[in-house]
PDB file of N, CA and C in Angstrom:
ATOM      1  N   UNK A   1      42.982  36.561   3.039  1.00  0.00           N
ATOM      2  CA  UNK A   1      42.259  35.614   3.300  1.00  0.00           C
ATOM      3  C   UNK A   1      40.850  36.083   2.747  1.00  0.00           C
ATOM      4  N   UNK A   2      40.445  36.948   3.079  1.00  0.00           N
ATOM      5  CA  UNK A   2      39.018  37.337   2.429  1.00  0.00           C
ATOM      6  C   UNK A   2      38.695  37.069   0.866  1.00  0.00           C
ATOM      7  N   UNK A   3      40.101  37.086   0.312  1.00  0.00           N
ATOM      8  CA  UNK A   3      39.726  36.530  -1.427  1.00  0.00           C
ATOM      9  C   UNK A   3      39.674  34.963  -1.284  1.00  0.00           C
ATOM     10  N   UNK A   4      40.453  34.260  -0.640  1.00  0.00           N
ATOM     11  CA  UNK A   4      40.012  33.103  -0.633  1.00  0.00           C
ATOM     12  C   UNK A   4      38.871  32.590  -0.244  1.00  0.00           C
ATOM     13  N   UNK A   5      38.135  33.637   0.862  1.00  0.00           N
ATOM     14  CA  UNK A   5      36.543  33.136   1.575  1.00  0.00           C
ATOM     15  C   UNK A   5      35.618  33.507   0.272  1.00  0.00           C
ATOM     16  N   UNK A   6      35.882  34.476  -0.361  1.00  0.00           N
ATOM     17  CA  UNK A   6      34.784  34.993  -1.451  1.00  0.00           C
ATOM     18  C   UNK A   6      35.046  33.924  -2.529  1.00  0.00           C
ATOM     19  N   UNK A   7      36.229  33.403  -2.712  1.00  0.00           N
ATOM     20  CA  UNK A   7      36.325  32.525  -4.145  1.00  0.00           C
ATOM     21  C   UNK A   7      35.477  31.046  -3.813  1.00  0.00           C
ATOM     22  N   UNK A   8      35.767  30.571  -2.397  1.00  0.00           N
ATOM     23  CA  UNK A   8      34.897  29.528  -2.056  1.00  0.00           C
ATOM     24  C   UNK A   8      33.607  29.519  -2.148  1.00  0.00           C
ATOM     25  N   UNK A   9      33.193  30.683  -1.782  1.00  0.00           N
ATOM     26  CA  UNK A   9      31.652  30.999  -1.563  1.00  0.00           C
ATOM     27  C   UNK A   9      31.033  31.072  -3.125  1.00  0.00           C
ATOM     28  N   UNK A  10      31.947  31.794  -3.889  1.00  0.00           N
ATOM     29  CA  UNK A  10      31.479  32.002  -5.408  1.00  0.00           C
ATOM     30  C   UNK A  10      31.298  30.268  -5.804  1.00  0.00           C
ATOM     31  N   UNK A  11      32.456  29.201  -5.637  1.00  0.00           N
ATOM     32  CA  UNK A  11      32.430  27.918  -6.148  1.00  0.00           C
ATOM     33  C   UNK A  11      31.156  27.052  -5.333  1.00  0.00           C
ATOM     34  N   UNK A  12      30.783  27.361  -4.426  1.00  0.00           N
ATOM     35  CA  UNK A  12      29.878  26.562  -3.447  1.00  0.00           C
ATOM     36  C   UNK A  12      28.627  27.069  -4.105  1.00  0.00           C
ATOM     37  N   UNK A  13      28.164  28.449  -4.450  1.00  0.00           N
ATOM     38  CA  UNK A  13      27.342  29.143  -5.026  1.00  0.00           C
ATOM     39  C   UNK A  13      26.940  28.400  -6.464  1.00  0.00           C
ATOM     40  N   UNK A  14      28.030  28.197  -7.281  1.00  0.00           N
ATOM     41  CA  UNK A  14      27.858  27.579  -8.643  1.00  0.00           C
ATOM     42  C   UNK A  14      27.770  26.036  -8.472  1.00  0.00           C
ATOM     43  N   UNK A  15      28.284  25.335  -7.213  1.00  0.00           N
ATOM     44  CA  UNK A  15      28.054  24.058  -7.307  1.00  0.00           C
ATOM     45  C   UNK A  15      26.624  23.885  -6.932  1.00  0.00           C
ATOM     46  N   UNK A  16      26.164  24.615  -6.015  1.00  0.00           N
ATOM     47  CA  UNK A  16      24.744  24.240  -5.663  1.00  0.00           C
ATOM     48  C   UNK A  16      23.446  24.570  -6.795  1.00  0.00           C
ATOM     49  N   UNK A  17      24.192  25.431  -7.522  1.00  0.00           N
ATOM     50  CA  UNK A  17      23.158  25.935  -8.717  1.00  0.00           C
ATOM     51  C   UNK A  17      23.206  24.868  -9.728  1.00  0.00           C
ATOM     52  N   UNK A  18      24.200  24.224  -9.893  1.00  0.00           N
ATOM     53  CA  UNK A  18      24.249  23.206 -10.858  1.00  0.00           C
ATOM     54  C   UNK A  18      23.446  22.048 -10.333  1.00  0.00           C
ATOM     55  N   UNK A  19      23.376  21.612  -9.078  1.00  0.00           N
ATOM     56  CA  UNK A  19      23.059  20.717  -8.215  1.00  0.00           C
ATOM     57  C   UNK A  19      21.293  20.624  -8.374  1.00  0.00           C
ATOM     58  N   UNK A  20      20.752  21.726  -8.471  1.00  0.00           N
ATOM     59  CA  UNK A  20      19.298  22.003  -7.907  1.00  0.00           C
ATOM     60  C   UNK A  20      18.935  22.021  -9.418  1.00  0.00           C
ATOM     61  N   UNK A  21      19.810  22.457 -10.473  1.00  0.00           N
ATOM     62  CA  UNK A  21      19.094  22.875 -11.748  1.00  0.00           C
ATOM     63  C   UNK A  21      19.216  21.655 -12.729  1.00  0.00           C
ATOM     64  N   UNK A  22      19.950  20.630 -12.127  1.00  0.00           N
ATOM     65  CA  UNK A  22      19.921  19.440 -13.163  1.00  0.00           C
ATOM     66  C   UNK A  22      18.789  18.881 -13.170  1.00  0.00           C
ATOM     67  N   UNK A  23      18.147  18.472 -14.159  1.00  0.00           N
ATOM     68  CA  UNK A  23      16.882  17.465 -14.163  1.00  0.00           C
ATOM     69  C   UNK A  23      17.250  16.064 -13.647  1.00  0.00           C
ATOM     70  N   UNK A  24      16.149  15.391 -13.086  1.00  0.00           N
ATOM     71  CA  UNK A  24      16.457  13.725 -12.928  1.00  0.00           C
ATOM     72  C   UNK A  24      16.506  13.267 -13.968  1.00  0.00           C
ATOM     73  N   UNK A  25      17.555  12.202 -13.891  1.00  0.00           N
ATOM     74  CA  UNK A  25      17.923  11.418 -15.340  1.00  0.00           C
ATOM     75  C   UNK A  25      16.743  10.231 -15.321  1.00  0.00           C
ATOM     76  N   UNK A  26      16.216  10.340 -16.319  1.00  0.00           N
ATOM     77  CA  UNK A  26      14.890   9.136 -16.309  1.00  0.00           C
ATOM     78  C   UNK A  26      15.852   8.053 -16.980  1.00  0.00           C
ATOM     79  N   UNK A  27      16.996   8.156 -17.235  1.00  0.00           N
ATOM     80  CA  UNK A  27      17.710   6.823 -17.967  1.00  0.00           C
ATOM     81  C   UNK A  27      18.342   5.966 -16.475  1.00  0.00           C
ATOM     82  N   UNK A  28      18.446   6.879 -15.686  1.00  0.00           N
ATOM     83  CA  UNK A  28      18.976   6.074 -14.503  1.00  0.00           C
ATOM     84  C   UNK A  28      17.857   5.408 -13.787  1.00  0.00           C
ATOM     85  N   UNK A  29      16.523   5.942 -13.804  1.00  0.00           N
ATOM     86  CA  UNK A  29      15.692   5.470 -13.120  1.00  0.00           C
ATOM     87  C   UNK A  29      15.123   4.161 -14.044  1.00  0.00           C
ATOM     88  N   UNK A  30      15.148   4.017 -15.383  1.00  0.00           N
ATOM     89  CA  UNK A  30      14.728   3.016 -16.375  1.00  0.00           C
ATOM     90  C   UNK A  30      15.638   1.787 -16.330  1.00  0.00           C
ATOM     91  N   UNK A  31      16.932   2.433 -15.927  1.00  0.00           N
ATOM     92  CA  UNK A  31      17.992   1.347 -16.136  1.00  0.00           C
ATOM     93  C   UNK A  31      17.796   0.175 -14.859  1.00  0.00           C
ATOM     94  N   UNK A  32      17.296   0.777 -13.651  1.00  0.00           N
ATOM     95  CA  UNK A  32      16.768  -0.370 -13.003  1.00  0.00           C
ATOM     96  C   UNK A  32      15.995  -1.473 -13.051  1.00  0.00           C
ATOM     97  N   UNK A  33      16.535  -2.726 -12.833  1.00  0.00           N
ATOM     98  CA  UNK A  33      15.617  -3.627 -13.447  1.00  0.00           C
ATOM     99  C   UNK A  33      14.233  -3.750 -12.673  1.00  0.00           C
ATOM    100  N   UNK A  34      13.223  -4.245 -13.284  1.00  0.00           N
ATOM    101  CA  UNK A  34      11.788  -4.249 -12.971  1.00  0.00           C
ATOM    102  C   UNK A  34      11.552  -5.435 -12.195  1.00  0.00           C
ATOM    103  N   UNK A  35      11.353  -5.304 -11.086  1.00  0.00           N
ATOM    104  CA  UNK A  35      10.928  -6.658  -9.836  1.00  0.00           C
ATOM    105  C   UNK A  35       9.628  -7.197 -10.415  1.00  0.00           C
ATOM    106  N   UNK A  36       9.854  -8.557 -10.174  1.00  0.00           N
ATOM    107  CA  UNK A  36       8.347  -9.547 -10.653  1.00  0.00           C
ATOM    108  C   UNK A  36       7.848  -9.306  -9.210  1.00  0.00           C
ATOM    109  N   UNK A  37       6.514  -8.960  -9.475  1.00  0.00           N
ATOM    110  CA  UNK A  37       5.616  -9.451  -8.050  1.00  0.00           C
ATOM    111  C   UNK A  37       5.508 -10.949  -7.916  1.00  0.00           C
ATOM    112  N   UNK A  38       5.574 -10.885  -6.481  1.00  0.00           N
ATOM    113  CA  UNK A  38       5.736 -12.100  -5.797  1.00  0.00           C
ATOM    114  C   UNK A  38       4.749 -12.092  -4.639  1.00  0.00           C
ATOM    115  N   UNK A  39       4.493 -13.590  -4.350  1.00  0.00           N
ATOM    116  CA  UNK A  39       3.505 -13.518  -2.609  1.00  0.00           C
ATOM    117  C   UNK A  39       2.476 -12.822  -2.391  1.00  0.00           C
ATOM    118  N   UNK A  40       2.064 -12.050  -1.548  1.00  0.00           N
ATOM    119  CA  UNK A  40       0.690 -11.352  -1.292  1.00  0.00           C
ATOM    120  C   UNK A  40       0.500 -10.540  -2.415  1.00  0.00           C
ATOM    121  N   UNK A  41       1.531  -9.913  -3.475  1.00  0.00           N
ATOM    122  CA  UNK A  41       0.939  -8.697  -4.342  1.00  0.00           C
ATOM    123  C   UNK A  41       0.845  -9.707  -5.853  1.00  0.00           C
ATOM    124  N   UNK A  42       1.127 -10.712  -5.924  1.00  0.00           N
ATOM    125  CA  UNK A  42       1.283 -11.328  -7.286  1.00  0.00           C
ATOM    126  C   UNK A  42      -0.493 -11.409  -7.345  1.00  0.00           C
ATOM    127  N   UNK A  43      -0.723 -11.093  -8.738  1.00  0.00           N
ATOM    128  CA  UNK A  43      -2.090 -11.593  -8.825  1.00  0.00           C
ATOM    129  C   UNK A  43      -2.177 -12.836  -9.678  1.00  0.00           C
ATOM    130  N   UNK A  44      -3.223 -13.726  -8.757  1.00  0.00           N
ATOM    131  CA  UNK A  44      -3.684 -14.940  -9.163  1.00  0.00           C
ATOM    132  C   UNK A  44      -4.793 -15.331  -9.560  1.00  0.00           C
ATOM    133  N   UNK A  45      -5.335 -16.294 -10.125  1.00  0.00           N
ATOM    134  CA  UNK A  45      -6.760 -16.426 -10.249  1.00  0.00           C
ATOM    135  C   UNK A  45      -7.382 -16.784  -8.950  1.00  0.00           C
ATOM    136  N   UNK A  46      -8.570 -16.746  -9.046  1.00  0.00           N
ATOM    137  CA  UNK A  46      -9.535 -17.083  -7.956  1.00  0.00           C
ATOM    138  C   UNK A  46     -10.711 -18.191  -8.423  1.00  0.00           C
ATOM    139  N   UNK A  47     -11.361 -18.834  -7.314  1.00  0.00           N
ATOM    140  CA  UNK A  47     -12.173 -19.524  -7.422  1.00  0.00           C
ATOM    141  C   UNK A  47     -13.590 -19.008  -7.787  1.00  0.00           C
ATOM    142  N   UNK A  48     -14.566 -19.659  -8.693  1.00  0.00           N
ATOM    143  CA  UNK A  48     -15.860 -18.998  -9.132  1.00  0.00           C
ATOM    144  C   UNK A  48     -16.666 -18.459  -7.727  1.00  0.00           C
ATOM    145  N   UNK A  49     -16.649 -18.863  -6.701  1.00  0.00           N
ATOM    146  CA  UNK A  49     -17.434 -17.935  -5.612  1.00  0.00           C
ATOM    147  C   UNK A  49     -16.893 -16.881  -5.190  1.00  0.00           C
ATOM    148  N   UNK A  50     -15.353 -16.876  -5.435  1.00  0.00           N
ATOM    149  CA  UNK A  50     -14.756 -15.551  -4.787  1.00  0.00           C
ATOM    150  C   UNK A  50     -14.637 -14.404  -5.928  1.00  0.00           C
ATOM    151  N   UNK A  51     -14.693 -15.218  -6.994  1.00  0.00           N
ATOM    152  CA  UNK A  51     -14.754 -13.949  -8.431  1.00  0.00           C
ATOM    153  C   UNK A  51     -16.258 -13.410  -8.528  1.00  0.00           C
ATOM    154  N   UNK A  52     -17.145 -14.416  -8.088  1.00  0.00           N
ATOM    155  CA  UNK A  52     -18.560 -13.502  -7.922  1.00  0.00           C
ATOM    156  C   UNK A  52     -18.422 -12.532  -6.993  1.00  0.00           C
ATOM    157  N   UNK A  53     -17.915 -12.593  -5.665  1.00  0.00           N
ATOM    158  CA  UNK A  53     -17.931 -11.708  -4.743  1.00  0.00           C
ATOM    159  C   UNK A  53     -17.357 -10.579  -5.064  1.00  0.00           C
ATOM    160  N   UNK A  54     -16.037 -10.796  -5.653  1.00  0.00           N
ATOM    161  CA  UNK A  54     -14.874  -9.563  -5.998  1.00  0.00           C
ATOM    162  C   UNK A  54     -15.198  -8.901  -7.337  1.00  0.00           C
ATOM    163  N   UNK A  55     -16.027  -9.876  -8.227  1.00  0.00           N
ATOM    164  CA  UNK A  55     -16.229  -9.298  -9.840  1.00  0.00           C
ATOM    165  C   UNK A  55     -15.110  -9.157 -10.423  1.00  0.00           C
ATOM    166  N   UNK A  56     -13.934 -10.045 -10.121  1.00  0.00           N
ATOM    167  CA  UNK A  56     -12.691 -10.054 -11.228  1.00  0.00           C
ATOM    168  C   UNK A  56     -11.916 -11.409 -11.188  1.00  0.00           C
ATOM    169  N   UNK A  57     -11.526 -11.579 -12.212  1.00  0.00           N
ATOM    170  CA  UNK A  57     -10.798 -13.347 -12.518  1.00  0.00           C
ATOM    171  C   UNK A  57      -9.540 -13.373 -11.621  1.00  0.00           C
ATOM    172  N   UNK A  58      -8.609 -12.524 -11.628  1.00  0.00           N
ATOM    173  CA  UNK A  58      -7.271 -12.509 -10.922  1.00  0.00           C
ATOM    174  C   UNK A  58      -7.187 -11.264  -9.940  1.00  0.00           C
ATOM    175  N   UNK A  59      -6.595 -11.355  -8.994  1.00  0.00           N
ATOM    176  CA  UNK A  59      -6.595 -10.510  -7.833  1.00  0.00           C
ATOM    177  C   UNK A  59      -5.389 -11.096  -7.068  1.00  0.00           C
ATOM    178  N   UNK A  60      -4.699 -10.031  -6.554  1.00  0.00           N
ATOM    179  CA  UNK A  60      -3.406 -10.234  -5.749  1.00  0.00           C
ATOM    180  C   UNK A  60      -4.072 -10.718  -4.120  1.00  0.00           C
ATOM    181  N   UNK A  61      -3.754 -11.526  -3.263  1.00  0.00           N
ATOM    182  CA  UNK A  61      -4.163 -11.874  -1.943  1.00  0.00           C
ATOM    183  C   UNK A  61      -4.573 -10.591  -1.158  1.00  0.00           C
ATOM    184  N   UNK A  62      -3.411  -9.967  -1.271  1.00  0.00           N
ATOM    185  CA  UNK A  62      -3.704  -8.526  -0.577  1.00  0.00           C
ATOM    186  C   UNK A  62      -4.732  -7.560  -0.703  1.00  0.00           C
ATOM    187  N   UNK A  63      -5.054  -7.500  -2.071  1.00  0.00           N
ATOM    188  CA  UNK A  63      -6.164  -6.704  -2.615  1.00  0.00           C
ATOM    189  C   UNK A  63      -7.481  -7.318  -2.436  1.00  0.00           C
ATOM    190  N   UNK A  64      -7.370  -8.962  -2.408  1.00  0.00           N
ATOM    191  CA  UNK A  64      -8.769  -9.484  -2.089  1.00  0.00           C
ATOM    192  C   UNK A  64      -9.162  -9.423  -0.661  1.00  0.00           C
ATOM    193  N   UNK A  65      -8.141  -9.520   0.437  1.00  0.00           N
ATOM    194  CA  UNK A  65      -8.157  -9.378   1.769  1.00  0.00           C
ATOM    195  C   UNK A  65      -8.751  -8.053   2.138  1.00  0.00           C
ATOM    196  N   UNK A  66      -8.400  -6.622   1.144  1.00  0.00           N
ATOM    197  CA  UNK A  66      -8.571  -5.579   1.406  1.00  0.00           C
ATOM    198  C   UNK A  66     -10.254  -5.522   0.724  1.00  0.00           C
ATOM    199  N   UNK A  67     -10.555  -5.910  -0.374  1.00  0.00           N
ATOM    200  CA  UNK A  67     -11.789  -5.784  -0.787  1.00  0.00           C
ATOM    201  C   UNK A  67     -12.743  -6.462   0.150  1.00  0.00           C
ATOM    202  N   UNK A  68     -12.375  -7.626   0.721  1.00  0.00           N
ATOM    203  CA  UNK A  68     -13.354  -8.459   1.946  1.00  0.00           C
ATOM    204  C   UNK A  68     -13.423  -7.569   3.259  1.00  0.00           C
ATOM    205  N   UNK A  69     -12.422  -6.665   3.640  1.00  0.00           N
ATOM    206  CA  UNK A  69     -12.464  -5.783   4.720  1.00  0.00           C
ATOM    207  C   UNK A  69     -13.493  -4.355   4.397  1.00  0.00           C
ATOM    208  N   UNK A  70     -13.370  -4.079   2.945  1.00  0.00           N
ATOM    209  CA  UNK A  70     -14.307  -2.869   2.520  1.00  0.00           C
ATOM    210  C   UNK A  70     -15.809  -3.419   2.637  1.00  0.00           C
ATOM    211  N   UNK A  71     -16.025  -4.754   2.132  1.00  0.00           N
ATOM    212  CA  UNK A  71     -17.159  -5.173   2.497  1.00  0.00           C
ATOM    213  C   UNK A  71     -17.889  -5.204   3.826  1.00  0.00           C
ATOM    214  N   UNK A  72     -17.111  -5.754   4.680  1.00  0.00           N
ATOM    215  CA  UNK A  72     -17.241  -5.828   6.230  1.00  0.00           C
ATOM    216  C   UNK A  72     -17.411  -4.423   6.644  1.00  0.00           C
ATOM    217  N   UNK A  73     -16.873  -3.548   6.428  1.00  0.00           N
ATOM    218  CA  UNK A  73     -17.023  -1.981   7.010  1.00  0.00           C
ATOM    219  C   UNK A  73     -18.345  -1.632   6.478  1.00  0.00           C
ATOM    220  N   UNK A  74     -18.342  -1.788   5.223  1.00  0.00           N
ATOM    221  CA  UNK A  74     -19.501  -0.884   4.518  1.00  0.00           C
ATOM    222  C   UNK A  74     -20.837  -1.637   5.066  1.00  0.00           C
ATOM    223  N   UNK A  75     -20.918  -2.575   5.374  1.00  0.00           N
ATOM    224  CA  UNK A  75     -22.357  -3.349   5.789  1.00  0.00           C
ATOM    225  C   UNK A  75     -22.191  -3.418   7.530  1.00  0.00           C
ATOM    226  N   UNK A  76     -21.382  -2.908   7.874  1.00  0.00           N
ATOM    227  CA  UNK A  76     -21.268  -3.039   9.568  1.00  0.00           C
ATOM    228  C   UNK A  76     -21.134  -4.666  10.230  1.00  0.00           C
ATOM    229  N   UNK A  77     -20.151  -5.210   9.539  1.00  0.00           N
ATOM    230  CA  UNK A  77     -20.462  -6.863  10.254  1.00  0.00           C
ATOM    231  C   UNK A  77     -19.339  -7.184  11.047  1.00  0.00           C
ATOM    232  N   UNK A  78     -18.964  -6.359  11.622  1.00  0.00           N
ATOM    233  CA  UNK A  78     -17.849  -6.276  12.628  1.00  0.00           C
ATOM    234  C   UNK A  78     -18.864  -6.302  14.041  1.00  0.00           C
ATOM    235  N   UNK A  79     -18.430  -7.306  14.999  1.00  0.00           N
ATOM    236  CA  UNK A  79     -19.201  -7.258  16.242  1.00  0.00           C
ATOM    237  C   UNK A  79     -18.846  -6.141  16.939  1.00  0.00           C
ATOM    238  N   UNK A  80     -19.718  -5.080  17.375  1.00  0.00           N
ATOM    239  CA  UNK A  80     -19.527  -3.864  18.094  1.00  0.00           C
ATOM    240  C   UNK A  80     -18.789  -4.061  19.649  1.00  0.00           C
ATOM    241  N   UNK A  81     -19.236  -5.315  20.052  1.00  0.00           N
ATOM    242  CA  UNK A  81     -18.532  -5.266  21.597  1.00  0.00           C
ATOM    243  C   UNK A  81     -17.270  -6.115  21.092  1.00  0.00           C
ATOM    244  N   UNK A  82     -17.095  -7.174  20.586  1.00  0.00           N
ATOM    245  CA  UNK A  82     -15.631  -7.712  20.286  1.00  0.00           C
ATOM    246  C   UNK A  82     -15.541  -7.572  18.829  1.00  0.00           C
ATOM    247  N   UNK A  83     -15.027  -6.399  18.478  1.00  0.00           N
ATOM    248  CA  UNK A  83     -14.418  -6.282  17.082  1.00  0.00           C
ATOM    249  C   UNK A  83     -13.348  -7.324  16.628  1.00  0.00           C
ATOM    250  N   UNK A  84     -13.203  -8.097  17.097  1.00  0.00           N
ATOM    251  CA  UNK A  84     -12.401  -9.225  16.279  1.00  0.00           C
ATOM    252  C   UNK A  84     -13.117 -10.326  15.612  1.00  0.00           C
ATOM    253  N   UNK A  85     -14.610 -10.254  15.861  1.00  0.00           N
ATOM    254  CA  UNK A  85     -15.470 -10.961  15.444  1.00  0.00           C
ATOM    255  C   UNK A  85     -16.396 -10.572  14.169  1.00  0.00           C
ATOM    256  N   UNK A  86     -16.446 -11.371  13.016  1.00  0.00           N
ATOM    257  CA  UNK A  86     -16.934 -10.863  11.772  1.00  0.00           C
ATOM    258  C   UNK A  86     -18.399 -11.419  11.859  1.00  0.00           C
ATOM    259  N   UNK A  87     -19.634 -11.007  11.907  1.00  0.00           N
ATOM    260  CA  UNK A  87     -20.621 -11.763  11.617  1.00  0.00           C
ATOM    261  C   UNK A  87     -20.793 -11.627  10.073  1.00  0.00           C
ATOM    262  N   UNK A  88     -21.075 -13.070   9.453  1.00  0.00           N
ATOM    263  CA  UNK A  88     -20.901 -13.227   7.890  1.00  0.00           C
ATOM    264  C   UNK A  88     -22.647 -12.884   7.410  1.00  0.00           C
ATOM    265  N   UNK A  89     -22.803 -12.175   6.615  1.00  0.00           N
ATOM    266  CA  UNK A  89     -24.207 -12.246   5.541  1.00  0.00           C
ATOM    267  C   UNK A  89     -23.813 -12.919   4.549  1.00  0.00           C
ATOM    268  N   UNK A  90     -25.052 -13.163   3.783  1.00  0.00           N
ATOM    269  CA  UNK A  90     -25.166 -14.045   2.926  1.00  0.00           C
ATOM    270  C   UNK A  90     -24.153 -14.237   1.735  1.00  0.00           C
ATOM    271  N   UNK A  91     -23.518 -12.973   1.538  1.00  0.00           N
ATOM    272  CA  UNK A  91     -22.365 -12.839   0.420  1.00  0.00           C
ATOM    273  C   UNK A  91     -21.189 -13.327   0.813  1.00  0.00           C
ATOM    274  N   UNK A  92     -21.076 -13.247   2.282  1.00  0.00           N
ATOM    275  CA  UNK A  92     -19.573 -13.529   2.763  1.00  0.00           C
ATOM    276  C   UNK A  92     -19.530 -15.122   3.163  1.00  0.00           C
ATOM    277  N   UNK A  93     -21.181 -15.621   3.492  1.00  0.00           N
ATOM    278  CA  UNK A  93     -21.102 -17.017   3.466  1.00  0.00           C
ATOM    279  C   UNK A  93     -20.835 -17.738   2.034  1.00  0.00           C
ATOM    280  N   UNK A  94     -20.803 -17.052   0.816  1.00  0.00           N
ATOM    281  CA  UNK A  94     -20.555 -18.283   0.020  1.00  0.00           C
ATOM    282  C   UNK A  94     -19.005 -18.339  -0.218  1.00  0.00           C
ATOM    283  N   UNK A  95     -18.384 -17.550   0.757  1.00  0.00           N
ATOM    284  CA  UNK A  95     -16.874 -17.732   0.275  1.00  0.00           C
ATOM    285  C   UNK A  95     -16.265 -18.242   1.700  1.00  0.00           C
ATOM    286  N   UNK A  96     -16.925 -18.109   2.883  1.00  0.00           N
ATOM    287  CA  UNK A  96     -16.150 -18.358   3.917  1.00  0.00           C
ATOM    288  C   UNK A  96     -17.079 -20.005   4.534  1.00  0.00           C
ATOM    289  N   UNK A  97     -17.944 -20.294   3.906  1.00  0.00           N
ATOM    290  CA  UNK A  97     -18.695 -21.604   4.254  1.00  0.00           C
ATOM    291  C   UNK A  97     -20.104 -20.863   5.202  1.00  0.00           C
ATOM    292  N   UNK A  98     -20.582 -21.886   5.487  1.00  0.00           N
ATOM    293  CA  UNK A  98     -22.024 -21.615   6.400  1.00  0.00           C
ATOM    294  C   UNK A  98     -21.671 -21.559   7.624  1.00  0.00           C
ATOM    295  N   UNK A  99     -20.873 -20.634   8.028  1.00  0.00           N
ATOM    296  CA  UNK A  99     -20.723 -20.268   9.562  1.00  0.00           C
ATOM    297  C   UNK A  99     -21.303 -18.703   9.988  1.00  0.00           C
ATOM    298  N   UNK A 100     -21.975 -18.633  10.834  1.00  0.00           N
ATOM    299  CA  UNK A 100     -22.004 -17.480  11.499  1.00  0.00           C
ATOM    300  C   UNK A 100     -21.260 -16.241  11.646  1.00  0.00           C
ATOM    301  N   UNK A 101     -20.168 -16.517  12.304  1.00  0.00           N
ATOM    302  CA  UNK A 101     -19.417 -15.543  12.242  1.00  0.00           C
ATOM    303  C   UNK A 101     -17.851 -16.310  12.452  1.00  0.00           C
ATOM    304  N   UNK A 102     -16.703 -15.528  12.042  1.00  0.00           N
ATOM    305  CA  UNK A 102     -15.507 -15.874  12.277  1.00  0.00           C
ATOM    306  C   UNK A 102     -14.644 -14.600  12.790  1.00  0.00           C
ATOM    307  N   UNK A 103     -13.451 -14.859  12.796  1.00  0.00           N
ATOM    308  CA  UNK A 103     -12.571 -14.045  13.704  1.00  0.00           C
ATOM    309  C   UNK A 103     -11.778 -13.084  12.661  1.00  0.00           C
ATOM    310  N   UNK A 104     -11.310 -12.047  12.908  1.00  0.00           N
ATOM    311  CA  UNK A 104     -10.565 -11.459  11.881  1.00  0.00           C
ATOM    312  C   UNK A 104      -9.271 -12.071  11.321  1.00  0.00           C
ATOM    313  N   UNK A 105      -8.891 -13.140  12.425  1.00  0.00           N
ATOM    314  CA  UNK A 105      -7.560 -13.618  12.029  1.00  0.00           C
ATOM    315  C   UNK A 105      -8.011 -14.859  10.993  1.00  0.00           C
ATOM    316  N   UNK A 106      -8.929 -15.035  10.780  1.00  0.00           N
ATOM    317  CA  UNK A 106      -9.576 -16.702  10.231  1.00  0.00           C
ATOM    318  C   UNK A 106      -9.584 -16.118   8.382  1.00  0.00           C
ATOM    319  N   UNK A 107      -9.605 -14.817   8.241  1.00  0.00           N
ATOM    320  CA  UNK A 107      -9.937 -14.699   7.107  1.00  0.00           C
ATOM    321  C   UNK A 107      -8.940 -14.831   6.065  1.00  0.00           C
ATOM    322  N   UNK A 108      -7.746 -14.685   6.024  1.00  0.00           N
ATOM    323  CA  UNK A 108      -6.732 -14.942   5.360  1.00  0.00           C
ATOM    324  C   UNK A 108      -6.498 -16.620   5.036  1.00  0.00           C
ATOM    325  N   UNK A 109      -6.741 -17.374   6.284  1.00  0.00           N
ATOM    326  CA  UNK A 109      -6.756 -18.647   6.017  1.00  0.00           C
ATOM    327  C   UNK A 109      -8.004 -19.125   5.260  1.00  0.00           C
ATOM    328  N   UNK A 110      -9.247 -18.474   5.582  1.00  0.00           N
ATOM    329  CA  UNK A 110     -10.124 -19.152   4.975  1.00  0.00           C
ATOM    330  C   UNK A 110     -10.416 -18.753   3.348  1.00  0.00           C
ATOM    331  N   UNK A 111      -9.761 -17.515   2.964  1.00  0.00           N
ATOM    332  CA  UNK A 111      -9.403 -17.315   1.906  1.00  0.00           C
ATOM    333  C   UNK A 111      -8.535 -18.220   0.786  1.00  0.00           C
ATOM    334  N   UNK A 112      -7.623 -18.373   1.513  1.00  0.00           N
ATOM    335  CA  UNK A 112      -6.359 -19.406   0.876  1.00  0.00           C
ATOM    336  C   UNK A 112      -6.881 -20.261  -0.203  1.00  0.00           C
ATOM    337  N   UNK A 113      -8.259 -21.340   0.310  1.00  0.00           N
ATOM    338  CA  UNK A 113      -8.334 -22.217  -0.984  1.00  0.00           C
ATOM    339  C   UNK A 113      -8.893 -21.733  -2.155  1.00  0.00           C
ATOM    340  N   UNK A 114      -9.386 -20.372  -2.089  1.00  0.00           N
ATOM    341  CA  UNK A 114      -9.962 -19.891  -3.106  1.00  0.00           C
ATOM    342  C   UNK A 114      -8.796 -19.440  -4.125  1.00  0.00           C
ATOM    343  N   UNK A 115      -7.854 -19.337  -4.206  1.00  0.00           N
ATOM    344  CA  UNK A 115      -6.861 -18.569  -4.883  1.00  0.00           C
ATOM    345  C   UNK A 115      -5.930 -20.096  -5.376  1.00  0.00           C
ATOM    346  N   UNK A 116      -5.677 -19.849  -7.058  1.00  0.00           N
ATOM    347  CA  UNK A 116      -5.350 -21.140  -7.706  1.00  0.00           C
ATOM    348  C   UNK A 116      -3.848 -21.075  -7.212  1.00  0.00           C
ATOM    349  N   UNK A 117      -3.415 -22.040  -7.309  1.00  0.00           N
ATOM    350  CA  UNK A 117      -1.936 -22.233  -7.107  1.00  0.00           C
ATOM    351  C   UNK A 117      -0.853 -21.787  -8.416  1.00  0.00           C
ATOM    352  N   UNK A 118      -0.225 -20.958  -8.258  1.00  0.00           N
ATOM    353  CA  UNK A 118       0.595 -20.708  -9.360  1.00  0.00           C
ATOM    354  C   UNK A 118       1.768 -21.502  -9.290  1.00  0.00           C
ATOM    355  N   UNK A 119       2.492 -21.450 -10.674  1.00  0.00           N
ATOM    356  CA  UNK A 119       3.501 -22.226 -10.928  1.00  0.00           C
ATOM    357  C   UNK A 119       4.930 -21.553 -10.561  1.00  0.00           C
TER     358      UNK A 119
END
């Protein structure tokens, strides 16, 4: 019985050393098809006012919203009492219209017309 146990331990040790020493196959990783970016992550062209604000001609919707939020946070434009409200500075008024403030829920809706329709 002990001989069988020792043999099985040696098999297990050999199997585990082969499993850990085998390099990750780059062929398997490259064999997977590359997914097309779509939806919020697909870079699309933007309108001239948004292009001036962001400094790029093409950007994904998600990254554009992220850049707008970075501007809001860095310039302390959120209302300190009601954090849902964003006070618009002159730079944001160029893309959101001549409003004094908007809510955080309106950002994506108000940015939508600035993205070119892609086919």
